[in-house]
Protein backbone atom coordinates (compact mmCIF):
# COMPACT_ATOMS: atom_id res chain seq x y z
CA MET A 1 139.54 70.79 171.11
CA ARG A 2 138.92 69.79 167.57
CA GLY A 3 137.78 72.35 165.08
CA SER A 4 133.99 72.49 164.74
CA TYR A 5 132.57 71.13 161.32
CA LYS A 6 129.61 72.94 160.04
CA LYS A 7 127.21 71.32 157.71
CA ARG A 8 126.41 73.40 154.54
CA ALA A 9 123.19 73.91 153.11
CA PRO A 10 122.74 72.08 149.86
CA SER A 11 122.92 74.22 146.68
CA PRO A 12 119.54 74.72 145.14
CA VAL A 13 118.79 72.21 142.11
CA TYR A 14 117.67 73.68 138.91
CA SER A 15 114.06 72.42 138.20
CA SER A 16 112.52 73.54 134.54
CA PRO A 17 109.55 75.56 134.68
CA ASN A 18 108.30 73.33 131.88
CA GLN A 19 108.25 70.07 134.13
CA LEU A 20 104.71 68.53 134.15
CA SER A 21 102.58 69.15 137.12
CA PHE A 22 99.61 67.28 138.71
CA GLU A 23 96.67 69.53 139.21
CA GLY A 24 95.75 69.47 142.94
CA PHE A 25 99.17 69.06 144.09
CA GLU A 26 100.35 72.62 144.39
CA THR A 27 101.94 74.08 147.53
CA PRO A 28 99.67 76.76 149.09
CA PHE A 29 102.43 79.28 148.03
CA GLU A 30 101.98 78.41 144.45
CA GLN A 31 98.08 78.54 144.64
CA GLN A 32 98.27 82.13 145.75
CA LEU A 33 100.58 83.60 143.01
CA ASP A 34 99.09 86.44 141.14
CA LEU A 35 99.75 85.60 137.34
CA ASN A 36 99.55 89.51 136.79
CA ASN A 37 102.49 90.00 139.07
CA ARG A 38 105.31 91.69 137.02
CA TRP A 39 107.83 89.10 138.57
CA VAL A 40 105.54 86.23 137.89
CA PHE A 41 104.96 87.32 134.41
CA LEU A 42 108.54 87.92 133.68
CA ALA A 43 109.71 84.63 135.30
CA ARG A 44 106.94 82.74 132.91
CA ASN A 45 108.07 84.42 129.79
CA ILE A 46 111.80 83.73 130.11
CA PRO A 47 113.24 80.88 128.23
CA TRP A 48 114.93 79.43 131.43
CA ASP A 49 115.83 75.99 129.98
CA ARG A 50 118.05 77.39 127.17
CA ILE A 51 119.56 80.23 129.69
CA VAL A 52 120.37 77.75 132.37
CA GLY A 53 121.67 75.28 129.68
CA VAL A 54 124.51 77.90 128.74
CA TYR A 55 124.98 78.74 132.13
CA ASP A 56 125.77 75.12 133.36
CA LYS A 57 128.14 74.52 130.41
CA VAL A 58 130.28 77.67 131.40
CA PHE A 59 130.36 77.16 135.16
CA SER A 60 130.72 73.13 135.32
CA SER A 61 133.64 71.92 137.06
CA ALA A 62 134.44 68.90 139.13
CA GLU A 63 136.52 70.87 141.47
CA GLY A 64 135.29 72.80 144.40
CA ARG A 65 131.63 73.49 145.34
CA LYS A 66 128.68 73.16 142.80
CA PRO A 67 127.83 76.20 141.52
CA LEU A 68 124.20 78.06 142.47
CA SER A 69 121.32 77.46 140.12
CA GLY A 70 121.81 79.70 137.04
CA ARG A 71 118.05 80.40 137.26
CA LEU A 72 119.01 81.69 141.04
CA VAL A 73 121.97 83.94 139.71
CA LEU A 74 120.62 85.08 136.59
CA GLY A 75 117.49 85.86 138.04
CA SER A 76 119.00 87.69 140.92
CA LEU A 77 121.14 89.87 138.37
CA MET A 78 117.84 90.57 136.13
CA ILE A 79 116.39 91.99 139.23
CA LYS A 80 119.18 93.99 140.53
CA HIS A 81 119.34 95.77 137.20
CA LEU A 82 115.44 96.14 136.68
CA CYS A 83 115.28 97.76 140.01
CA LYS A 84 118.49 99.90 139.37
CA LEU A 85 119.93 98.53 142.58
CA SER A 86 123.75 98.79 143.34
CA ASP A 87 126.11 96.13 143.97
CA ARG A 88 126.10 97.19 147.87
């Protein structure tokens, strides 16, 4: 019997929060976000394009799997530290 091949999920792709959007084409999830929520406020006020640009330069390689989105990685670390969570 051959070894089974598992199809891996694609890596998330970074999309800029400054990307143009069309009014009326928001997903239901986007329409329900509370702009006063601390996480929404924080996400809107972080200069993601600059930060992810630096992250992508450091973690770019032609070998191996593509790195995770810089926004995903750095956002997760920020949440971990702001909530005082352990590495476990």
